[in-house]
Amino acid sequence: MTADPSWRELPPGALAFRLAHIVWGAVAMGALTNVWAHAVRRTRSRLLWAGVAMLSAQVVGLIIGRGDCPLGPFQRKLGDPVPMFELLLPPRAAKAAIPVLALIGTVGLLLLLLRPPRTPSSS
């Protein structure tokens, strides 16, 4: 197996983990987009709060991992040494993506707090 295995070279467990990690990341990006949409529109929904919970879990994970995904060692043990963001970005940009996304998420959550939901006008 090469240093950075291709999809076909991954052991089944590593492949399953990579796919699950990508799905998790895509859902998290949707949650982040949803937070911003609700903050801008000044609305709230159950889906919003589910996304806030998911993003909060990711923050806790990043704190545990000191800025890196805490599942990285498990992923490497399965046979996949390539961090998820490095599937899309060069290593330096991938490392920078985490604090940038954390900042975007933090600002979105602050906007949710500072911009309460609109109340329907009574005209």
PDB file of N, CA and C in Angstrom:
ATOM      1  N   MET A   1       0.851  -1.173   0.000  1.00  0.00           N
ATOM      2  CA  MET A   1       0.000   0.000   0.000  1.00  0.00           C
ATOM      3  C   MET A   1       0.895   1.233   0.000  1.00  0.00           C
ATOM      4  N   THR A   2       0.518   2.282  -0.777  1.00  0.00           N
ATOM      5  CA  THR A   2       1.296   3.508  -0.865  1.00  0.00           C
ATOM      6  C   THR A   2       1.096   4.364   0.383  1.00  0.00           C
ATOM      7  N   ALA A   3       1.909   5.426   0.511  1.00  0.00           N
ATOM      8  CA  ALA A   3       1.802   6.317   1.671  1.00  0.00           C
ATOM      9  C   ALA A   3       0.420   6.959   1.741  1.00  0.00           C
ATOM     10  N   ASP A   4      -0.100   7.400   0.620  1.00  0.00           N
ATOM     11  CA  ASP A   4      -1.452   7.964   0.546  1.00  0.00           C
ATOM     12  C   ASP A   4      -2.282   7.049  -0.343  1.00  0.00           C
ATOM     13  N   PRO A   5      -2.914   6.051   0.260  1.00  0.00           N
ATOM     14  CA  PRO A   5      -3.624   5.048  -0.545  1.00  0.00           C
ATOM     15  C   PRO A   5      -4.796   5.652  -1.314  1.00  0.00           C
ATOM     16  N   SER A   6      -4.992   5.112  -2.510  1.00  0.00           N
ATOM     17  CA  SER A   6      -6.161   5.510  -3.295  1.00  0.00           C
ATOM     18  C   SER A   6      -7.377   4.816  -2.687  1.00  0.00           C
ATOM     19  N   TRP A   7      -8.543   5.211  -3.170  1.00  0.00           N
ATOM     20  CA  TRP A   7      -9.780   4.607  -2.671  1.00  0.00           C
ATOM     21  C   TRP A   7      -9.751   3.095  -2.824  1.00  0.00           C
ATOM     22  N   ARG A   8      -9.247   2.614  -3.946  1.00  0.00           N
ATOM     23  CA  ARG A   8      -9.239   1.171  -4.204  1.00  0.00           C
ATOM     24  C   ARG A   8      -8.269   0.418  -3.306  1.00  0.00           C
ATOM     25  N   GLU A   9      -7.244   1.112  -2.817  1.00  0.00           N
ATOM     26  CA  GLU A   9      -6.238   0.457  -1.984  1.00  0.00           C
ATOM     27  C   GLU A   9      -6.619   0.412  -0.499  1.00  0.00           C
ATOM     28  N   LEU A  10      -7.661   1.114  -0.123  1.00  0.00           N
ATOM     29  CA  LEU A  10      -8.044   1.165   1.291  1.00  0.00           C
ATOM     30  C   LEU A  10      -8.640  -0.159   1.750  1.00  0.00           C
ATOM     31  N   PRO A  11      -8.279  -0.588   2.961  1.00  0.00           N
ATOM     32  CA  PRO A  11      -8.953  -1.764   3.533  1.00  0.00           C
ATOM     33  C   PRO A  11     -10.438  -1.438   3.725  1.00  0.00           C
ATOM     34  N   PRO A  12     -11.298  -2.436   3.757  1.00  0.00           N
ATOM     35  CA  PRO A  12     -12.743  -2.192   3.868  1.00  0.00           C
ATOM     36  C   PRO A  12     -13.142  -1.301   5.054  1.00  0.00           C
ATOM     37  N   GLY A  13     -12.542  -1.507   6.214  1.00  0.00           N
ATOM     38  CA  GLY A  13     -12.877  -0.685   7.376  1.00  0.00           C
ATOM     39  C   GLY A  13     -12.491   0.772   7.181  1.00  0.00           C
ATOM     40  N   ALA A  14     -11.326   0.996   6.590  1.00  0.00           N
ATOM     41  CA  ALA A  14     -10.867   2.359   6.323  1.00  0.00           C
ATOM     42  C   ALA A  14     -11.760   3.022   5.277  1.00  0.00           C
ATOM     43  N   LEU A  15     -12.171   2.278   4.288  1.00  0.00           N
ATOM     44  CA  LEU A  15     -13.062   2.817   3.258  1.00  0.00           C
ATOM     45  C   LEU A  15     -14.410   3.207   3.866  1.00  0.00           C
ATOM     46  N   ALA A  16     -14.959   2.329   4.686  1.00  0.00           N
ATOM     47  CA  ALA A  16     -16.242   2.628   5.339  1.00  0.00           C
ATOM     48  C   ALA A  16     -16.112   3.867   6.222  1.00  0.00           C
ATOM     49  N   PHE A  17     -15.010   3.963   6.965  1.00  0.00           N
ATOM     50  CA  PHE A  17     -14.805   5.120   7.831  1.00  0.00           C
ATOM     51  C   PHE A  17     -14.669   6.397   7.006  1.00  0.00           C
ATOM     52  N   ARG A  18     -13.907   6.333   5.913  1.00  0.00           N
ATOM     53  CA  ARG A  18     -13.721   7.510   5.060  1.00  0.00           C
ATOM     54  C   ARG A  18     -15.073   7.984   4.516  1.00  0.00           C
ATOM     55  N   LEU A  19     -15.880   7.046   4.040  1.00  0.00           N
ATOM     56  CA  LEU A  19     -17.199   7.407   3.508  1.00  0.00           C
ATOM     57  C   LEU A  19     -18.091   8.019   4.589  1.00  0.00           C
ATOM     58  N   ALA A  20     -18.095   7.421   5.782  1.00  0.00           N
ATOM     59  CA  ALA A  20     -18.898   7.954   6.880  1.00  0.00           C
ATOM     60  C   ALA A  20     -18.409   9.347   7.280  1.00  0.00           C
ATOM     61  N   HIS A  21     -17.091   9.531   7.284  1.00  0.00           N
ATOM     62  CA  HIS A  21     -16.513  10.824   7.639  1.00  0.00           C
ATOM     63  C   HIS A  21     -16.905  11.889   6.610  1.00  0.00           C
ATOM     64  N   ILE A  22     -16.918  11.535   5.355  1.00  0.00           N
ATOM     65  CA  ILE A  22     -17.322  12.470   4.297  1.00  0.00           C
ATOM     66  C   ILE A  22     -18.798  12.835   4.441  1.00  0.00           C
ATOM     67  N   VAL A  23     -19.628  11.840   4.721  1.00  0.00           N
ATOM     68  CA  VAL A  23     -21.058  12.113   4.916  1.00  0.00           C
ATOM     69  C   VAL A  23     -21.241  13.033   6.122  1.00  0.00           C
ATOM     70  N   TRP A  24     -20.553  12.736   7.223  1.00  0.00           N
ATOM     71  CA  TRP A  24     -20.619  13.585   8.421  1.00  0.00           C
ATOM     72  C   TRP A  24     -20.206  15.019   8.065  1.00  0.00           C
ATOM     73  N   GLY A  25     -19.112  15.157   7.318  1.00  0.00           N
ATOM     74  CA  GLY A  25     -18.642  16.488   6.926  1.00  0.00           C
ATOM     75  C   GLY A  25     -19.646  17.226   6.060  1.00  0.00           C
ATOM     76  N   ALA A  26     -20.272  16.522   5.141  1.00  0.00           N
ATOM     77  CA  ALA A  26     -21.272  17.156   4.269  1.00  0.00           C
ATOM     78  C   ALA A  26     -22.486  17.607   5.086  1.00  0.00           C
ATOM     79  N   VAL A  27     -22.920  16.772   6.024  1.00  0.00           N
ATOM     80  CA  VAL A  27     -24.048  17.150   6.882  1.00  0.00           C
ATOM     81  C   VAL A  27     -23.653  18.347   7.754  1.00  0.00           C
ATOM     82  N   ALA A  28     -22.424  18.350   8.249  1.00  0.00           N
ATOM     83  CA  ALA A  28     -21.952  19.473   9.067  1.00  0.00           C
ATOM     84  C   ALA A  28     -21.911  20.766   8.256  1.00  0.00           C
ATOM     85  N   MET A  29     -21.499  20.691   7.006  1.00  0.00           N
ATOM     86  CA  MET A  29     -21.499  21.892   6.149  1.00  0.00           C
ATOM     87  C   MET A  29     -22.934  22.364   5.917  1.00  0.00           C
ATOM     88  N   GLY A  30     -23.859  21.429   5.777  1.00  0.00           N
ATOM     89  CA  GLY A  30     -25.268  21.799   5.667  1.00  0.00           C
ATOM     90  C   GLY A  30     -25.769  22.461   6.931  1.00  0.00           C
ATOM     91  N   ALA A  31     -25.349  21.945   8.090  1.00  0.00           N
ATOM     92  CA  ALA A  31     -25.748  22.538   9.368  1.00  0.00           C
ATOM     93  C   ALA A  31     -25.192  23.947   9.500  1.00  0.00           C
ATOM     94  N   LEU A  32     -23.957  24.128   9.081  1.00  0.00           N
ATOM     95  CA  LEU A  32     -23.342  25.460   9.130  1.00  0.00           C
ATOM     96  C   LEU A  32     -24.085  26.434   8.218  1.00  0.00           C
ATOM     97  N   THR A  33     -24.424  25.982   7.038  1.00  0.00           N
ATOM     98  CA  THR A  33     -25.193  26.815   6.110  1.00  0.00           C
ATOM     99  C   THR A  33     -26.556  27.149   6.704  1.00  0.00           C
ATOM    100  N   ASN A  34     -27.180  26.169   7.342  1.00  0.00           N
ATOM    101  CA  ASN A  34     -28.492  26.361   7.956  1.00  0.00           C
ATOM    102  C   ASN A  34     -28.420  27.378   9.102  1.00  0.00           C
ATOM    103  N   VAL A  35     -27.360  27.312   9.909  1.00  0.00           N
ATOM    104  CA  VAL A  35     -27.185  28.284  10.995  1.00  0.00           C
ATOM    105  C   VAL A  35     -27.143  29.695  10.412  1.00  0.00           C
ATOM    106  N   TRP A  36     -26.346  29.876   9.381  1.00  0.00           N
ATOM    107  CA  TRP A  36     -26.231  31.197   8.769  1.00  0.00           C
ATOM    108  C   TRP A  36     -27.554  31.650   8.146  1.00  0.00           C
ATOM    109  N   ALA A  37     -28.246  30.745   7.465  1.00  0.00           N
ATOM    110  CA  ALA A  37     -29.527  31.100   6.849  1.00  0.00           C
ATOM    111  C   ALA A  37     -30.527  31.556   7.906  1.00  0.00           C
ATOM    112  N   HIS A  38     -30.595  30.845   9.013  1.00  0.00           N
ATOM    113  CA  HIS A  38     -31.515  31.225  10.091  1.00  0.00           C
ATOM    114  C   HIS A  38     -31.081  32.530  10.752  1.00  0.00           C
ATOM    115  N   ALA A  39     -29.779  32.723  10.899  1.00  0.00           N
ATOM    116  CA  ALA A  39     -29.296  33.961  11.522  1.00  0.00           C
ATOM    117  C   ALA A  39     -29.637  35.167  10.637  1.00  0.00           C
ATOM    118  N   VAL A  40     -29.430  35.028   9.343  1.00  0.00           N
ATOM    119  CA  VAL A  40     -29.707  36.131   8.419  1.00  0.00           C
ATOM    120  C   VAL A  40     -31.204  36.412   8.324  1.00  0.00           C
ATOM    121  N   ARG A  41     -32.005  35.338   8.223  1.00  0.00           N
ATOM    122  CA  ARG A  41     -33.467  35.511   8.080  1.00  0.00           C
ATOM    123  C   ARG A  41     -34.172  35.775   9.403  1.00  0.00           C
ATOM    124  N   ARG A  42     -33.433  35.574  10.493  1.00  0.00           N
ATOM    125  CA  ARG A  42     -33.995  35.746  11.843  1.00  0.00           C
ATOM    126  C   ARG A  42     -35.181  34.811  12.064  1.00  0.00           C
ATOM    127  N   THR A  43     -34.963  33.532  11.760  1.00  0.00           N
ATOM    128  CA  THR A  43     -35.971  32.496  11.965  1.00  0.00           C
ATOM    129  C   THR A  43     -35.365  31.394  12.825  1.00  0.00           C
ATOM    130  N   ARG A  44     -36.194  30.472  13.278  1.00  0.00           N
ATOM    131  CA  ARG A  44     -35.732  29.333  14.065  1.00  0.00           C
ATOM    132  C   ARG A  44     -36.531  28.100  13.646  1.00  0.00           C
ATOM    133  N   SER A  45     -35.919  26.930  13.799  1.00  0.00           N
ATOM    134  CA  SER A  45     -36.607  25.679  13.487  1.00  0.00           C
ATOM    135  C   SER A  45     -35.968  24.540  14.266  1.00  0.00           C
ATOM    136  N   ARG A  46     -36.632  23.407  14.281  1.00  0.00           N
ATOM    137  CA  ARG A  46     -36.061  22.221  14.933  1.00  0.00           C
ATOM    138  C   ARG A  46     -34.790  21.777  14.226  1.00  0.00           C
ATOM    139  N   LEU A  47     -34.799  21.864  12.909  1.00  0.00           N
ATOM    140  CA  LEU A  47     -33.611  21.480  12.152  1.00  0.00           C
ATOM    141  C   LEU A  47     -32.424  22.361  12.525  1.00  0.00           C
ATOM    142  N   LEU A  48     -32.682  23.635  12.761  1.00  0.00           N
ATOM    143  CA  LEU A  48     -31.616  24.543  13.192  1.00  0.00           C
ATOM    144  C   LEU A  48     -30.987  24.039  14.478  1.00  0.00           C
ATOM    145  N   TRP A  49     -31.806  23.696  15.461  1.00  0.00           N
ATOM    146  CA  TRP A  49     -31.263  23.278  16.759  1.00  0.00           C
ATOM    147  C   TRP A  49     -30.537  21.940  16.654  1.00  0.00           C
ATOM    148  N   ALA A  50     -30.963  21.076  15.766  1.00  0.00           N
ATOM    149  CA  ALA A  50     -30.228  19.830  15.525  1.00  0.00           C
ATOM    150  C   ALA A  50     -28.851  20.148  14.955  1.00  0.00           C
ATOM    151  N   GLY A  51     -28.796  21.110  14.040  1.00  0.00           N
ATOM    152  CA  GLY A  51     -27.516  21.531  13.467  1.00  0.00           C
ATOM    153  C   GLY A  51     -26.609  22.181  14.492  1.00  0.00           C
ATOM    154  N   VAL A  52     -27.189  23.002  15.366  1.00  0.00           N
ATOM    155  CA  VAL A  52     -26.407  23.632  16.435  1.00  0.00           C
ATOM    156  C   VAL A  52     -25.819  22.550  17.346  1.00  0.00           C
ATOM    157  N   ALA A  53     -26.605  21.532  17.657  1.00  0.00           N
ATOM    158  CA  ALA A  53     -26.112  20.432  18.490  1.00  0.00           C
ATOM    159  C   ALA A  53     -24.972  19.691  17.789  1.00  0.00           C
ATOM    160  N   MET A  54     -25.123  19.453  16.502  1.00  0.00           N
ATOM    161  CA  MET A  54     -24.072  18.756  15.750  1.00  0.00           C
ATOM    162  C   MET A  54     -22.791  19.577  15.720  1.00  0.00           C
ATOM    163  N   LEU A  55     -22.920  20.875  15.423  1.00  0.00           N
ATOM    164  CA  LEU A  55     -21.743  21.735  15.375  1.00  0.00           C
ATOM    165  C   LEU A  55     -21.091  21.839  16.747  1.00  0.00           C
ATOM    166  N   SER A  56     -21.892  21.847  17.796  1.00  0.00           N
ATOM    167  CA  SER A  56     -21.354  21.884  19.157  1.00  0.00           C
ATOM    168  C   SER A  56     -20.552  20.615  19.451  1.00  0.00           C
ATOM    169  N   ALA A  57     -21.055  19.476  19.002  1.00  0.00           N
ATOM    170  CA  ALA A  57     -20.326  18.216  19.180  1.00  0.00           C
ATOM    171  C   ALA A  57     -18.996  18.266  18.439  1.00  0.00           C
ATOM    172  N   GLN A  58     -18.994  18.865  17.259  1.00  0.00           N
ATOM    173  CA  GLN A  58     -17.743  18.981  16.512  1.00  0.00           C
ATOM    174  C   GLN A  58     -16.753  19.880  17.236  1.00  0.00           C
ATOM    175  N   VAL A  59     -17.239  20.960  17.820  1.00  0.00           N
ATOM    176  CA  VAL A  59     -16.360  21.861  18.574  1.00  0.00           C
ATOM    177  C   VAL A  59     -15.710  21.101  19.731  1.00  0.00           C
ATOM    178  N   VAL A  60     -16.507  20.329  20.454  1.00  0.00           N
ATOM    179  CA  VAL A  60     -15.971  19.547  21.562  1.00  0.00           C
ATOM    180  C   VAL A  60     -14.905  18.575  21.038  1.00  0.00           C
ATOM    181  N   GLY A  61     -15.192  17.931  19.908  1.00  0.00           N
ATOM    182  CA  GLY A  61     -14.223  17.010  19.306  1.00  0.00           C
ATOM    183  C   GLY A  61     -12.930  17.709  18.921  1.00  0.00           C
ATOM    184  N   LEU A  62     -13.035  18.890  18.370  1.00  0.00           N
ATOM    185  CA  LEU A  62     -11.830  19.630  17.974  1.00  0.00           C
ATOM    186  C   LEU A  62     -11.042  20.105  19.192  1.00  0.00           C
ATOM    187  N   ILE A  63     -11.739  20.422  20.266  1.00  0.00           N
ATOM    188  CA  ILE A  63     -11.044  20.790  21.502  1.00  0.00           C
ATOM    189  C   ILE A  63     -10.294  19.573  22.042  1.00  0.00           C
ATOM    190  N   ILE A  64     -10.964  18.431  22.050  1.00  0.00           N
ATOM    191  CA  ILE A  64     -10.324  17.193  22.501  1.00  0.00           C
ATOM    192  C   ILE A  64      -9.111  16.877  21.623  1.00  0.00           C
ATOM    193  N   GLY A  65      -9.265  17.072  20.312  1.00  0.00           N
ATOM    194  CA  GLY A  65      -8.181  16.787  19.372  1.00  0.00           C
ATOM    195  C   GLY A  65      -7.177  17.912  19.223  1.00  0.00           C
ATOM    196  N   ARG A  66      -7.314  18.957  20.028  1.00  0.00           N
ATOM    197  CA  ARG A  66      -6.419  20.128  19.971  1.00  0.00           C
ATOM    198  C   ARG A  66      -6.315  20.692  18.559  1.00  0.00           C
ATOM    199  N   GLY A  67      -7.467  20.864  17.943  1.00  0.00           N
ATOM    200  CA  GLY A  67      -7.514  21.455  16.615  1.00  0.00           C
ATOM    201  C   GLY A  67      -7.556  20.452  15.479  1.00  0.00           C
ATOM    202  N   ASP A  68      -7.349  19.203  15.782  1.00  0.00           N
ATOM    203  CA  ASP A  68      -7.423  18.136  14.781  1.00  0.00           C
ATOM    204  C   ASP A  68      -8.595  17.224  15.128  1.00  0.00           C
ATOM    205  N   CYS A  69      -9.067  16.510  14.140  1.00  0.00           N
ATOM    206  CA  CYS A  69     -10.147  15.552  14.387  1.00  0.00           C
ATOM    207  C   CYS A  69      -9.655  14.503  15.390  1.00  0.00           C
ATOM    208  N   PRO A  70     -10.403  14.284  16.467  1.00  0.00           N
ATOM    209  CA  PRO A  70      -9.960  13.304  17.461  1.00  0.00           C
ATOM    210  C   PRO A  70     -10.002  11.866  16.953  1.00  0.00           C
ATOM    211  N   LEU A  71     -10.648  11.653  15.818  1.00  0.00           N
ATOM    212  CA  LEU A  71     -10.719  10.299  15.255  1.00  0.00           C
ATOM    213  C   LEU A  71      -9.559  10.000  14.305  1.00  0.00           C
ATOM    214  N   GLY A  72      -8.659  10.974  14.112  1.00  0.00           N
ATOM    215  CA  GLY A  72      -7.510  10.773  13.221  1.00  0.00           C
ATOM    216  C   GLY A  72      -6.682   9.545  13.553  1.00  0.00           C
ATOM    217  N   PRO A  73      -6.312   9.343  14.828  1.00  0.00           N
ATOM    218  CA  PRO A  73      -5.538   8.134  15.159  1.00  0.00           C
ATOM    219  C   PRO A  73      -6.291   6.844  14.823  1.00  0.00           C
ATOM    220  N   PHE A  74      -7.601   6.830  15.073  1.00  0.00           N
ATOM    221  CA  PHE A  74      -8.418   5.661  14.731  1.00  0.00           C
ATOM    222  C   PHE A  74      -8.429   5.447  13.215  1.00  0.00           C
ATOM    223  N   GLN A  75      -8.574   6.529  12.469  1.00  0.00           N
ATOM    224  CA  GLN A  75      -8.580   6.468  11.008  1.00  0.00           C
ATOM    225  C   GLN A  75      -7.254   5.900  10.498  1.00  0.00           C
ATOM    226  N   ARG A  76      -6.146   6.378  11.040  1.00  0.00           N
ATOM    227  CA  ARG A  76      -4.830   5.875  10.619  1.00  0.00           C
ATOM    228  C   ARG A  76      -4.675   4.398  10.967  1.00  0.00           C
ATOM    229  N   LYS A  77      -5.191   4.017  12.132  1.00  0.00           N
ATOM    230  CA  LYS A  77      -5.109   2.616  12.557  1.00  0.00           C
ATOM    231  C   LYS A  77      -5.876   1.706  11.590  1.00  0.00           C
ATOM    232  N   LEU A  78      -6.956   2.246  11.020  1.00  0.00           N
ATOM    233  CA  LEU A  78      -7.733   1.469  10.043  1.00  0.00           C
ATOM    234  C   LEU A  78      -7.008   1.342   8.699  1.00  0.00           C
ATOM    235  N   GLY A  79      -5.992   2.183   8.487  1.00  0.00           N
ATOM    236  CA  GLY A  79      -5.230   2.108   7.246  1.00  0.00           C
ATOM    237  C   GLY A  79      -5.414   3.294   6.319  1.00  0.00           C
ATOM    238  N   ASP A  80      -6.013   4.378   6.820  1.00  0.00           N
ATOM    239  CA  ASP A  80      -6.222   5.576   6.002  1.00  0.00           C
ATOM    240  C   ASP A  80      -5.506   6.763   6.658  1.00  0.00           C
ATOM    241  N   PRO A  81      -4.312   7.113   6.164  1.00  0.00           N
ATOM    242  CA  PRO A  81      -3.556   8.202   6.766  1.00  0.00           C
ATOM    243  C   PRO A  81      -3.930   9.603   6.258  1.00  0.00           C
ATOM    244  N   VAL A  82      -4.887   9.682   5.336  1.00  0.00           N
ATOM    245  CA  VAL A  82      -5.205  10.964   4.704  1.00  0.00           C
ATOM    246  C   VAL A  82      -6.360  11.656   5.428  1.00  0.00           C
ATOM    247  N   PRO A  83      -6.095  12.819   6.070  1.00  0.00           N
ATOM    248  CA  PRO A  83      -7.190  13.561   6.700  1.00  0.00           C
ATOM    249  C   PRO A  83      -8.242  13.964   5.665  1.00  0.00           C
ATOM    250  N   MET A  84      -9.490  14.065   6.104  1.00  0.00           N
ATOM    251  CA  MET A  84     -10.600  14.315   5.176  1.00  0.00           C
ATOM    252  C   MET A  84     -10.386  15.563   4.320  1.00  0.00           C
ATOM    253  N   PHE A  85      -9.998  16.679   4.937  1.00  0.00           N
ATOM    254  CA  PHE A  85      -9.837  17.907   4.149  1.00  0.00           C
ATOM    255  C   PHE A  85      -8.739  17.774   3.102  1.00  0.00           C
ATOM    256  N   GLU A  86      -7.764  16.891   3.344  1.00  0.00           N
ATOM    257  CA  GLU A  86      -6.690  16.697   2.370  1.00  0.00           C
ATOM    258  C   GLU A  86      -7.147  15.889   1.158  1.00  0.00           C
ATOM    259  N   LEU A  87      -8.365  15.366   1.206  1.00  0.00           N
ATOM    260  CA  LEU A  87      -8.920  14.728   0.012  1.00  0.00           C
ATOM    261  C   LEU A  87      -9.312  15.794  -1.014  1.00  0.00           C
ATOM    262  N   LEU A  88      -9.555  17.020  -0.536  1.00  0.00           N
ATOM    263  CA  LEU A  88      -9.996  18.121  -1.398  1.00  0.00           C
ATOM    264  C   LEU A  88      -8.971  19.234  -1.541  1.00  0.00           C
ATOM    265  N   LEU A  89      -8.144  19.425  -0.517  1.00  0.00           N
ATOM    266  CA  LEU A  89      -7.252  20.579  -0.464  1.00  0.00           C
ATOM    267  C   LEU A  89      -5.805  20.148  -0.241  1.00  0.00           C
ATOM    268  N   PRO A  90      -4.852  21.003  -0.618  1.00  0.00           N
ATOM    269  CA  PRO A  90      -3.457  20.720  -0.265  1.00  0.00           C
ATOM    270  C   PRO A  90      -3.303  20.744   1.263  1.00  0.00           C
ATOM    271  N   PRO A  91      -2.290  20.065   1.810  1.00  0.00           N
ATOM    272  CA  PRO A  91      -2.155  19.949   3.272  1.00  0.00           C
ATOM    273  C   PRO A  91      -2.211  21.278   4.028  1.00  0.00           C
ATOM    274  N   ARG A  92      -1.540  22.298   3.553  1.00  0.00           N
ATOM    275  CA  ARG A  92      -1.536  23.574   4.271  1.00  0.00           C
ATOM    276  C   ARG A  92      -2.930  24.207   4.303  1.00  0.00           C
ATOM    277  N   ALA A  93      -3.604  24.179   3.172  1.00  0.00           N
ATOM    278  CA  ALA A  93      -4.968  24.723   3.103  1.00  0.00           C
ATOM    279  C   ALA A  93      -5.928  23.883   3.938  1.00  0.00           C
ATOM    280  N   ALA A  94      -5.727  22.562   3.945  1.00  0.00           N
ATOM    281  CA  ALA A  94      -6.579  21.678   4.735  1.00  0.00           C
ATOM    282  C   ALA A  94      -6.435  21.993   6.221  1.00  0.00           C
ATOM    283  N   LYS A  95      -5.218  22.233   6.668  1.00  0.00           N
ATOM    284  CA  LYS A  95      -4.987  22.570   8.077  1.00  0.00           C
ATOM    285  C   LYS A  95      -5.625  23.918   8.414  1.00  0.00           C
ATOM    286  N   ALA A  96      -5.593  24.858   7.477  1.00  0.00           N
ATOM    287  CA  ALA A  96      -6.185  26.186   7.698  1.00  0.00           C
ATOM    288  C   ALA A  96      -7.706  26.139   7.661  1.00  0.00           C
ATOM    289  N   ALA A  97      -8.281  25.140   7.008  1.00  0.00           N
ATOM    290  CA  ALA A  97      -9.738  25.062   6.877  1.00  0.00           C
ATOM    291  C   ALA A  97     -10.423  24.939   8.234  1.00  0.00           C
ATOM    292  N   ILE A  98      -9.808  24.236   9.166  1.00  0.00           N
ATOM    293  CA  ILE A  98     -10.449  24.016  10.461  1.00  0.00           C
ATOM    294  C   ILE A  98     -10.656  25.330  11.218  1.00  0.00           C
ATOM    295  N   PRO A  99      -9.612  26.154  11.419  1.00  0.00           N
ATOM    296  CA  PRO A  99      -9.874  27.414  12.131  1.00  0.00           C
ATOM    297  C   PRO A  99     -10.774  28.367  11.350  1.00  0.00           C
ATOM    298  N   VAL A 100     -10.698  28.354  10.026  1.00  0.00           N
ATOM    299  CA  VAL A 100     -11.567  29.221   9.223  1.00  0.00           C
ATOM    300  C   VAL A 100     -13.024  28.802   9.403  1.00  0.00           C
ATOM    301  N   LEU A 101     -13.297  27.521   9.300  1.00  0.00           N
ATOM    302  CA  LEU A 101     -14.670  27.036   9.493  1.00  0.00           C
ATOM    303  C   LEU A 101     -15.141  27.259  10.929  1.00  0.00           C
ATOM    304  N   ALA A 102     -14.230  27.131  11.894  1.00  0.00           N
ATOM    305  CA  ALA A 102     -14.593  27.403  13.290  1.00  0.00           C
ATOM    306  C   ALA A 102     -14.990  28.867  13.460  1.00  0.00           C
ATOM    307  N   LEU A 103     -14.264  29.760  12.828  1.00  0.00           N
ATOM    308  CA  LEU A 103     -14.592  31.185  12.903  1.00  0.00           C
ATOM    309  C   LEU A 103     -15.942  31.466  12.242  1.00  0.00           C
ATOM    310  N   ILE A 104     -16.164  30.891  11.070  1.00  0.00           N
ATOM    311  CA  ILE A 104     -17.442  31.079  10.366  1.00  0.00           C
ATOM    312  C   ILE A 104     -18.595  30.552  11.219  1.00  0.00           C
ATOM    313  N   GLY A 105     -18.394  29.395  11.840  1.00  0.00           N
ATOM    314  CA  GLY A 105     -19.428  28.822  12.697  1.00  0.00           C
ATOM    315  C   GLY A 105     -19.681  29.663  13.936  1.00  0.00           C
ATOM    316  N   THR A 106     -18.618  30.159  14.544  1.00  0.00           N
ATOM    317  CA  THR A 106     -18.757  30.992  15.748  1.00  0.00           C
ATOM    318  C   THR A 106     -19.514  32.277  15.435  1.00  0.00           C
ATOM    319  N   VAL A 107     -19.169  32.913  14.335  1.00  0.00           N
ATOM    320  CA  VAL A 107     -19.862  34.148  13.949  1.00  0.00           C
ATOM    321  C   VAL A 107     -21.339  33.851  13.664  1.00  0.00           C
ATOM    322  N   GLY A 108     -21.620  32.748  12.991  1.00  0.00           N
ATOM    323  CA  GLY A 108     -23.007  32.368  12.723  1.00  0.00           C
ATOM    324  C   GLY A 108     -23.795  32.146  14.003  1.00  0.00           C
ATOM    325  N   LEU A 109     -23.185  31.458  14.967  1.00  0.00           N
ATOM    326  CA  LEU A 109     -23.866  31.211  16.244  1.00  0.00           C
ATOM    327  C   LEU A 109     -24.067  32.514  17.019  1.00  0.00           C
ATOM    328  N   LEU A 110     -23.080  33.399  16.974  1.00  0.00           N
ATOM    329  CA  LEU A 110     -23.235  34.702  17.634  1.00  0.00           C
ATOM    330  C   LEU A 110     -24.368  35.506  16.996  1.00  0.00           C
ATOM    331  N   LEU A 111     -24.451  35.452  15.675  1.00  0.00           N
ATOM    332  CA  LEU A 111     -25.550  36.144  14.998  1.00  0.00           C
ATOM    333  C   LEU A 111     -26.909  35.578  15.425  1.00  0.00           C
ATOM    334  N   LEU A 112     -26.975  34.269  15.604  1.00  0.00           N
ATOM    335  CA  LEU A 112     -28.227  33.667  16.081  1.00  0.00           C
ATOM    336  C   LEU A 112     -28.620  34.245  17.438  1.00  0.00           C
ATOM    337  N   LEU A 113     -27.626  34.392  18.303  1.00  0.00           N
ATOM    338  CA  LEU A 113     -27.904  34.924  19.639  1.00  0.00           C
ATOM    339  C   LEU A 113     -28.252  36.411  19.607  1.00  0.00           C
ATOM    340  N   LEU A 114     -27.564  37.168  18.758  1.00  0.00           N
ATOM    341  CA  LEU A 114     -27.735  38.622  18.730  1.00  0.00           C
ATOM    342  C   LEU A 114     -28.915  39.078  17.888  1.00  0.00           C
ATOM    343  N   ARG A 115     -29.408  38.210  17.016  1.00  0.00           N
ATOM    344  CA  ARG A 115     -30.539  38.560  16.150  1.00  0.00           C
ATOM    345  C   ARG A 115     -31.711  37.633  16.477  1.00  0.00           C
ATOM    346  N   PRO A 116     -32.488  37.994  17.465  1.00  0.00           N
ATOM    347  CA  PRO A 116     -33.611  37.129  17.837  1.00  0.00           C
ATOM    348  C   PRO A 116     -34.590  36.965  16.687  1.00  0.00           C
ATOM    349  N   PRO A 117     -35.415  35.925  16.757  1.00  0.00           N
ATOM    350  CA  PRO A 117     -36.366  35.713  15.649  1.00  0.00           C
ATOM    351  C   PRO A 117     -37.335  36.881  15.511  1.00  0.00           C
ATOM    352  N   ARG A 118     -37.701  37.123  14.276  1.00  0.00           N
ATOM    353  CA  ARG A 118     -38.702  38.170  14.008  1.00  0.00           C
ATOM    354  C   ARG A 118     -40.044  37.733  14.553  1.00  0.00           C
ATOM    355  N   THR A 119     -40.783  38.698  15.041  1.00  0.00           N
ATOM    356  CA  THR A 119     -42.157  38.395  15.453  1.00  0.00           C
ATOM    357  C   THR A 119     -43.057  38.835  14.329  1.00  0.00           C
ATOM    358  N   PRO A 120     -44.098  38.062  14.047  1.00  0.00           N
ATOM    359  CA  PRO A 120     -44.997  38.447  12.961  1.00  0.00           C
ATOM    360  C   PRO A 120     -45.637  39.812  13.267  1.00  0.00           C
ATOM    361  N   SER A 121     -45.677  40.668  12.273  1.00  0.00           N
ATOM    362  CA  SER A 121     -46.294  41.992  12.494  1.00  0.00           C
ATOM    363  C   SER A 121     -47.797  41.851  12.577  1.00  0.00           C
ATOM    364  N   SER A 122     -48.366  42.606  13.462  1.00  0.00           N
ATOM    365  CA  SER A 122     -49.822  42.544  13.628  1.00  0.00           C
ATOM    366  C   SER A 122     -50.442  43.750  12.948  1.00  0.00           C
ATOM    367  N   SER A 123     -50.677  43.629  11.634  1.00  0.00           N
ATOM    368  CA  SER A 123     -51.296  44.733  10.901  1.00  0.00           C
ATOM    369  C   SER A 123     -52.656  44.372  10.390  1.00  0.00           C
TER     370      SER A 123
END
